Amino acid sequence: MRLAFARCDRKGAADSRPVRQFVQHPRMDGGLLTDSESIGEVKKALAGFPGLADVAVVGHGAAQPDACLIAYVVPSGPGLDLPEVHAHARKALSNGCMPAVIMVIDEIPVTAAGDLDAAALPVPELNGLLPYQAPATPRQELLCELFAQVLRVARCGVNNDFFDLGGRSVEAMLLAGRINADLDVRITMADLFRAPTVADLDGRLGQMASTHK
């Protein structure tokens, strides 16, 4: 597993110290984790968000098919809006670099030598988030974005189930409204229950478009 640790100043700007890199992980196929580039990009993107004091980025399960990045952030003050952090990261990062989870913690644990103490970091709940498959079309990209926004998660892949990620009827109603407004279609909550993943819903939308031609 490879770890990266970046410290920011209290105003949220990254300082001039280099990111500290730990044990190498192998390159993952599909562009999910590539050398230190993805970790560095995530660190840089999050360090640029105002209101963050510290950022740590950890490679999780590097030798497994469901490898992902986990980001930990420490607010510089009260009132951090985590969905805004998610939105900032999604805008700044490619799908392959986007962390599976961005966790807010009180402080980044360090060893006596001042290095990141990865063993002391809290373990996030990853059920429903993995494995991750990136969207392949503009419509899938928009649907993944809307799923993530409504569910208040960092990212959503095309095969991640809306309800496994914590979606309930109220979120389904909100998501249906957002999709209808953004794509100029007419879907209902019932459609989301029948097609709870982006891949399923994208296929359903394609069928609807063919029917109305």
C-alpha atoms as a PDB file:
ATOM      1  CA  MET A   1       0.000   0.000   0.000  1.00  0.00           C
ATOM      2  CA  ARG A   2       1.196   3.516  -0.789  1.00  0.00           C
ATOM      3  CA  LEU A   3       0.353   6.424   1.437  1.00  0.00           C
ATOM      4  CA  ALA A   4       0.639  10.147   0.873  1.00  0.00           C
ATOM      5  CA  PHE A   5       0.459  12.891   3.436  1.00  0.00           C
ATOM      6  CA  ALA A   6       0.136  16.611   2.775  1.00  0.00           C
ATOM      7  CA  ARG A   7      -0.097  19.325   5.386  1.00  0.00           C
ATOM      8  CA  CYS A   8      -1.747  22.675   4.709  1.00  0.00           C
ATOM      9  CA  ASP A   9      -1.523  25.921   6.604  1.00  0.00           C
ATOM     10  CA  ARG A  10      -4.448  27.137   8.663  1.00  0.00           C
ATOM     11  CA  LYS A  11      -5.823  29.108   5.710  1.00  0.00           C
ATOM     12  CA  GLY A  12      -6.094  25.959   3.615  1.00  0.00           C
ATOM     13  CA  ALA A  13      -3.201  26.583   1.221  1.00  0.00           C
ATOM     14  CA  ALA A  14      -0.677  23.820   0.734  1.00  0.00           C
ATOM     15  CA  ASP A  15       2.746  24.629   2.100  1.00  0.00           C
ATOM     16  CA  SER A  16       6.005  24.150   0.225  1.00  0.00           C
ATOM     17  CA  ARG A  17       7.012  20.863   1.841  1.00  0.00           C
ATOM     18  CA  PRO A  18       6.935  17.875  -0.531  1.00  0.00           C
ATOM     19  CA  VAL A  19       4.334  15.182  -0.130  1.00  0.00           C
ATOM     20  CA  ARG A  20       5.785  12.364   1.938  1.00  0.00           C
ATOM     21  CA  GLN A  21       5.550   9.067   0.074  1.00  0.00           C
ATOM     22  CA  PHE A  22       5.569   5.674   1.744  1.00  0.00           C
ATOM     23  CA  VAL A  23       5.609   2.052   0.559  1.00  0.00           C
ATOM     24  CA  GLN A  24       5.150   1.579  -3.195  1.00  0.00           C
ATOM     25  CA  HIS A  25       2.000   0.036  -4.585  1.00  0.00           C
ATOM     26  CA  PRO A  26       1.838  -1.505  -8.078  1.00  0.00           C
ATOM     27  CA  ARG A  27       0.188   0.243 -10.974  1.00  0.00           C
ATOM     28  CA  MET A  28      -3.487  -0.704 -11.244  1.00  0.00           C
ATOM     29  CA  ASP A  29      -5.078  -1.438 -14.631  1.00  0.00           C
ATOM     30  CA  GLY A  30      -7.844   0.886 -15.784  1.00  0.00           C
ATOM     31  CA  GLY A  31      -6.243   4.095 -14.584  1.00  0.00           C
ATOM     32  CA  LEU A  32      -7.514   3.880 -11.019  1.00  0.00           C
ATOM     33  CA  LEU A  33      -4.179   4.208  -9.235  1.00  0.00           C
ATOM     34  CA  THR A  34      -1.122   5.155 -11.278  1.00  0.00           C
ATOM     35  CA  ASP A  35       2.162   5.528  -9.434  1.00  0.00           C
ATOM     36  CA  SER A  36       2.149   8.597  -7.188  1.00  0.00           C
ATOM     37  CA  GLU A  37       0.317  10.768  -9.719  1.00  0.00           C
ATOM     38  CA  SER A  38      -3.230  10.065  -8.532  1.00  0.00           C
ATOM     39  CA  ILE A  39      -2.345  10.552  -4.877  1.00  0.00           C
ATOM     40  CA  GLY A  40      -0.531  13.773  -5.695  1.00  0.00           C
ATOM     41  CA  GLU A  41      -3.446  15.072  -7.759  1.00  0.00           C
ATOM     42  CA  VAL A  42      -5.938  14.356  -4.978  1.00  0.00           C
ATOM     43  CA  LYS A  43      -3.688  16.022  -2.410  1.00  0.00           C
ATOM     44  CA  LYS A  44      -3.276  19.095  -4.585  1.00  0.00           C
ATOM     45  CA  ALA A  45      -6.992  19.352  -5.349  1.00  0.00           C
ATOM     46  CA  LEU A  46      -8.101  19.055  -1.724  1.00  0.00           C
ATOM     47  CA  ALA A  47      -5.352  21.330  -0.419  1.00  0.00           C
ATOM     48  CA  GLY A  48      -6.770  24.010  -2.706  1.00  0.00           C
ATOM     49  CA  PHE A  49     -10.164  23.947  -0.996  1.00  0.00           C
ATOM     50  CA  PRO A  50     -10.501  26.880   1.442  1.00  0.00           C
ATOM     51  CA  GLY A  51     -11.115  25.907   5.037  1.00  0.00           C
ATOM     52  CA  LEU A  52      -8.947  22.794   5.229  1.00  0.00           C
ATOM     53  CA  ALA A  53      -6.019  22.662   7.625  1.00  0.00           C
ATOM     54  CA  ASP A  54      -4.624  19.185   6.842  1.00  0.00           C
ATOM     55  CA  VAL A  55      -5.084  16.559   4.165  1.00  0.00           C
ATOM     56  CA  ALA A  56      -3.998  12.920   4.027  1.00  0.00           C
ATOM     57  CA  VAL A  57      -4.549  10.590   1.053  1.00  0.00           C
ATOM     58  CA  VAL A  58      -4.230   6.825   1.422  1.00  0.00           C
ATOM     59  CA  GLY A  59      -4.185   4.072  -1.190  1.00  0.00           C
ATOM     60  CA  HIS A  60      -6.522   1.276  -0.078  1.00  0.00           C
ATOM     61  CA  GLY A  61      -6.315  -2.337  -1.255  1.00  0.00           C
ATOM     62  CA  ALA A  62      -3.694  -1.625  -3.912  1.00  0.00           C
ATOM     63  CA  ALA A  63      -3.236  -5.283  -4.856  1.00  0.00           C
ATOM     64  CA  GLN A  64      -6.989  -5.912  -5.171  1.00  0.00           C
ATOM     65  CA  PRO A  65      -9.414  -5.321  -8.050  1.00  0.00           C
ATOM     66  CA  ASP A  66     -11.383  -2.841  -5.925  1.00  0.00           C
ATOM     67  CA  ALA A  67      -8.389  -0.643  -5.072  1.00  0.00           C
ATOM     68  CA  CYS A  68      -9.310   2.944  -4.281  1.00  0.00           C
ATOM     69  CA  LEU A  69      -8.097   6.137  -2.678  1.00  0.00           C
ATOM     70  CA  ILE A  70      -9.308   7.383   0.704  1.00  0.00           C
ATOM     71  CA  ALA A  71      -8.889  11.043   1.615  1.00  0.00           C
ATOM     72  CA  TYR A  72      -8.907  12.460   5.145  1.00  0.00           C
ATOM     73  CA  VAL A  73      -9.413  16.175   5.740  1.00  0.00           C
ATOM     74  CA  VAL A  74      -9.138  18.347   8.847  1.00  0.00           C
ATOM     75  CA  PRO A  75     -11.182  21.572   8.845  1.00  0.00           C
ATOM     76  CA  SER A  76      -9.419  24.788   9.806  1.00  0.00           C
ATOM     77  CA  GLY A  77     -12.583  25.889  11.619  1.00  0.00           C
ATOM     78  CA  PRO A  78     -16.234  25.019  12.206  1.00  0.00           C
ATOM     79  CA  GLY A  79     -18.839  24.784   9.483  1.00  0.00           C
ATOM     80  CA  LEU A  80     -17.066  22.736   6.829  1.00  0.00           C
ATOM     81  CA  ASP A  81     -19.549  21.783   4.092  1.00  0.00           C
ATOM     82  CA  LEU A  82     -18.506  18.262   3.061  1.00  0.00           C
ATOM     83  CA  PRO A  83     -20.747  18.142  -0.050  1.00  0.00           C
ATOM     84  CA  GLU A  84     -18.948  21.295  -1.209  1.00  0.00           C
ATOM     85  CA  VAL A  85     -15.631  19.483  -0.699  1.00  0.00           C
ATOM     86  CA  HIS A  86     -17.016  16.581  -2.758  1.00  0.00           C
ATOM     87  CA  ALA A  87     -18.126  18.940  -5.527  1.00  0.00           C
ATOM     88  CA  HIS A  88     -14.759  20.716  -5.542  1.00  0.00           C
ATOM     89  CA  ALA A  89     -12.905  17.402  -5.823  1.00  0.00           C
ATOM     90  CA  ARG A  90     -15.168  16.048  -8.581  1.00  0.00           C
ATOM     91  CA  LYS A  91     -14.632  19.226 -10.588  1.00  0.00           C
ATOM     92  CA  ALA A  92     -10.863  19.167 -10.144  1.00  0.00           C
ATOM     93  CA  LEU A  93     -10.198  15.437 -10.560  1.00  0.00           C
ATOM     94  CA  SER A  94     -10.711  12.804 -13.204  1.00  0.00           C
ATOM     95  CA  ASN A  95     -12.939   9.819 -12.404  1.00  0.00           C
ATOM     96  CA  GLY A  96      -9.929   7.573 -11.886  1.00  0.00           C
ATOM     97  CA  CYS A  97      -8.395   9.904  -9.299  1.00  0.00           C
ATOM     98  CA  MET A  98     -11.538  10.664  -7.312  1.00  0.00           C
ATOM     99  CA  PRO A  99     -11.345   9.210  -3.771  1.00  0.00           C
ATOM    100  CA  ALA A 100     -13.985   6.644  -2.873  1.00  0.00           C
ATOM    101  CA  VAL A 101     -14.472   8.461   0.445  1.00  0.00           C
ATOM    102  CA  ILE A 102     -13.505  11.849   1.867  1.00  0.00           C
ATOM    103  CA  MET A 103     -13.595  11.641   5.653  1.00  0.00           C
ATOM    104  CA  VAL A 104     -13.577  14.611   8.030  1.00  0.00           C
ATOM    105  CA  ILE A 105     -11.427  13.999  11.124  1.00  0.00           C
ATOM    106  CA  ASP A 106     -10.178  16.160  13.991  1.00  0.00           C
ATOM    107  CA  GLU A 107      -6.496  15.736  13.238  1.00  0.00           C
ATOM    108  CA  ILE A 108      -4.109  13.749  11.064  1.00  0.00           C
ATOM    109  CA  PRO A 109      -2.329  11.166  13.264  1.00  0.00           C
ATOM    110  CA  VAL A 110       1.447  11.224  13.034  1.00  0.00           C
ATOM    111  CA  THR A 111       4.231   9.103  14.468  1.00  0.00           C
ATOM    112  CA  ALA A 112       6.918  10.330  16.831  1.00  0.00           C
ATOM    113  CA  ALA A 113       9.038  11.002  13.744  1.00  0.00           C
ATOM    114  CA  GLY A 114       6.339  13.232  12.288  1.00  0.00           C
ATOM    115  CA  ASP A 115       5.240  10.821   9.559  1.00  0.00           C
ATOM    116  CA  LEU A 116       1.684   9.820   8.811  1.00  0.00           C
ATOM    117  CA  ASP A 117       0.462   7.114  11.207  1.00  0.00           C
ATOM    118  CA  ALA A 118      -1.783   5.258   8.762  1.00  0.00           C
ATOM    119  CA  ALA A 119      -2.708   2.579  11.299  1.00  0.00           C
ATOM    120  CA  ALA A 120      -4.319   5.246  13.481  1.00  0.00           C
ATOM    121  CA  LEU A 121      -6.585   6.565  10.721  1.00  0.00           C
ATOM    122  CA  PRO A 122     -10.263   5.619  11.033  1.00  0.00           C
ATOM    123  CA  VAL A 123     -11.457   2.972   8.595  1.00  0.00           C
ATOM    124  CA  PRO A 124     -14.283   4.246   6.363  1.00  0.00           C
ATOM    125  CA  GLU A 125     -17.410   2.313   5.503  1.00  0.00           C
ATOM    126  CA  LEU A 126     -16.986   1.171   1.899  1.00  0.00           C
ATOM    127  CA  ASN A 127     -20.080  -1.021   1.523  1.00  0.00           C
ATOM    128  CA  GLY A 128     -21.838  -0.187  -1.724  1.00  0.00           C
ATOM    129  CA  LEU A 129     -18.969   1.993  -2.989  1.00  0.00           C
ATOM    130  CA  LEU A 130     -16.820  -0.767  -4.483  1.00  0.00           C
ATOM    131  CA  PRO A 131     -16.007  -2.008  -6.999  1.00  0.00           C
ATOM    132  CA  TYR A 132     -16.002   1.256  -8.926  1.00  0.00           C
ATOM    133  CA  GLN A 133     -16.562   1.583 -12.663  1.00  0.00           C
ATOM    134  CA  ALA A 134     -16.232   5.029 -14.210  1.00  0.00           C
ATOM    135  CA  PRO A 135     -18.938   6.450 -16.497  1.00  0.00           C
ATOM    136  CA  ALA A 136     -18.325   5.964 -20.216  1.00  0.00           C
ATOM    137  CA  THR A 137     -20.680   8.531 -21.772  1.00  0.00           C
ATOM    138  CA  PRO A 138     -21.700  12.136 -21.032  1.00  0.00           C
ATOM    139  CA  ARG A 139     -25.122  10.994 -19.829  1.00  0.00           C
ATOM    140  CA  GLN A 140     -23.564   8.456 -17.484  1.00  0.00           C
ATOM    141  CA  GLU A 141     -21.212  11.159 -16.196  1.00  0.00           C
ATOM    142  CA  LEU A 142     -24.155  13.419 -15.402  1.00  0.00           C
ATOM    143  CA  LEU A 143     -26.099  10.591 -13.753  1.00  0.00           C
ATOM    144  CA  CYS A 144     -23.090   9.634 -11.610  1.00  0.00           C
ATOM    145  CA  GLU A 145     -22.734  13.279 -10.579  1.00  0.00           C
ATOM    146  CA  LEU A 146     -26.416  13.537  -9.629  1.00  0.00           C
ATOM    147  CA  PHE A 147     -26.334  10.240  -7.713  1.00  0.00           C
ATOM    148  CA  ALA A 148     -23.291  11.445  -5.737  1.00  0.00           C
ATOM    149  CA  GLN A 149     -24.800  14.865  -5.025  1.00  0.00           C
ATOM    150  CA  VAL A 150     -28.116  13.511  -3.781  1.00  0.00           C
ATOM    151  CA  LEU A 151     -26.476  10.772  -1.710  1.00  0.00           C
ATOM    152  CA  ARG A 152     -23.837  13.197  -0.360  1.00  0.00           C
ATOM    153  CA  VAL A 153     -20.984  10.840  -1.240  1.00  0.00           C
ATOM    154  CA  ALA A 154     -17.665  11.606  -2.895  1.00  0.00           C
ATOM    155  CA  ARG A 155     -18.356   9.559  -6.009  1.00  0.00           C
ATOM    156  CA  CYS A 156     -20.714   7.020  -7.534  1.00  0.00           C
ATOM    157  CA  GLY A 157     -19.798   4.518 -10.227  1.00  0.00           C
ATOM    158  CA  VAL A 158     -22.101   3.235 -12.932  1.00  0.00           C
ATOM    159  CA  ASN A 159     -22.728  -0.075 -11.116  1.00  0.00           C
ATOM    160  CA  ASN A 160     -23.102   1.244  -7.557  1.00  0.00           C
ATOM    161  CA  ASP A 161     -26.648   0.725  -6.275  1.00  0.00           C
ATOM    162  CA  PHE A 162     -28.483   3.890  -5.184  1.00  0.00           C
ATOM    163  CA  PHE A 163     -30.146   2.134  -2.266  1.00  0.00           C
ATOM    164  CA  ASP A 164     -27.047   0.247  -1.157  1.00  0.00           C
ATOM    165  CA  LEU A 165     -25.388   3.670  -0.866  1.00  0.00           C
ATOM    166  CA  GLY A 166     -28.051   4.824   1.594  1.00  0.00           C
ATOM    167  CA  GLY A 167     -30.719   6.169  -0.735  1.00  0.00           C
ATOM    168  CA  ARG A 168     -34.262   6.175   0.591  1.00  0.00           C
ATOM    169  CA  SER A 169     -37.623   7.256  -0.792  1.00  0.00           C
ATOM    170  CA  VAL A 170     -36.999  10.929  -0.078  1.00  0.00           C
ATOM    171  CA  GLU A 171     -33.626  10.832  -1.845  1.00  0.00           C
ATOM    172  CA  ALA A 172     -35.166   8.876  -4.724  1.00  0.00           C
ATOM    173  CA  MET A 173     -37.826  11.560  -5.123  1.00  0.00           C
ATOM    174  CA  LEU A 174     -35.153  14.271  -5.108  1.00  0.00           C
ATOM    175  CA  LEU A 175     -32.970  12.369  -7.582  1.00  0.00           C
ATOM    176  CA  ALA A 176     -35.863  11.786  -9.980  1.00  0.00           C
ATOM    177  CA  GLY A 177     -36.610  15.509  -9.939  1.00  0.00           C
ATOM    178  CA  ARG A 178     -32.964  16.416 -10.604  1.00  0.00           C
ATOM    179  CA  ILE A 179     -32.688  13.933 -13.478  1.00  0.00           C
ATOM    180  CA  ASN A 180     -35.935  15.151 -15.047  1.00  0.00           C
ATOM    181  CA  ALA A 181     -34.789  18.770 -14.858  1.00  0.00           C
ATOM    182  CA  ASP A 182     -31.244  18.205 -16.124  1.00  0.00           C
ATOM    183  CA  LEU A 183     -32.001  15.677 -18.870  1.00  0.00           C
ATOM    184  CA  ASP A 184     -35.504  16.865 -19.838  1.00  0.00           C
ATOM    185  CA  VAL A 185     -37.018  13.442 -19.270  1.00  0.00           C
ATOM    186  CA  ARG A 186     -39.855  12.073 -17.176  1.00  0.00           C
ATOM    187  CA  ILE A 187     -38.845   9.357 -14.728  1.00  0.00           C
ATOM    188  CA  THR A 188     -40.461   8.456 -11.424  1.00  0.00           C
ATOM    189  CA  MET A 189     -39.376   6.950  -8.136  1.00  0.00           C
ATOM    190  CA  ALA A 190     -40.648   3.632  -9.453  1.00  0.00           C
ATOM    191  CA  ASP A 191     -38.130   3.849 -12.309  1.00  0.00           C
ATOM    192  CA  LEU A 192     -35.327   4.239  -9.769  1.00  0.00           C
ATOM    193  CA  PHE A 193     -36.500   1.191  -7.832  1.00  0.00           C
ATOM    194  CA  ARG A 194     -36.461  -0.807 -11.086  1.00  0.00           C
ATOM    195  CA  ALA A 195     -33.148   0.687 -12.234  1.00  0.00           C
ATOM    196  CA  PRO A 196     -31.144   1.603  -9.110  1.00  0.00           C
ATOM    197  CA  THR A 197     -27.729   1.895 -10.776  1.00  0.00           C
ATOM    198  CA  VAL A 198     -26.501   4.451 -13.274  1.00  0.00           C
ATOM    199  CA  ALA A 199     -25.931   1.672 -15.824  1.00  0.00           C
ATOM    200  CA  ASP A 200     -29.484   0.368 -15.402  1.00  0.00           C
ATOM    201  CA  LEU A 201     -31.024   3.830 -15.444  1.00  0.00           C
ATOM    202  CA  ASP A 202     -28.968   4.884 -18.456  1.00  0.00           C
ATOM    203  CA  GLY A 203     -30.254   1.833 -20.322  1.00  0.00           C
ATOM    204  CA  ARG A 204     -33.814   2.649 -19.290  1.00  0.00           C
ATOM    205  CA  LEU A 205     -33.438   6.240 -20.485  1.00  0.00           C
ATOM    206  CA  GLY A 206     -32.105   4.947 -23.791  1.00  0.00           C
ATOM    207  CA  GLN A 207     -35.163   2.711 -24.189  1.00  0.00           C
ATOM    208  CA  MET A 208     -37.467   5.610 -23.370  1.00  0.00           C
ATOM    209  CA  ALA A 209     -35.765   7.791 -25.974  1.00  0.00           C
ATOM    210  CA  SER A 210     -36.126   5.061 -28.621  1.00  0.00           C
ATOM    211  CA  THR A 211     -39.814   4.597 -27.789  1.00  0.00           C
ATOM    212  CA  HIS A 212     -40.570   8.303 -28.198  1.00  0.00           C
ATOM    213  CA  LYS A 213     -38.814   8.689 -31.553  1.00  0.00           C
END
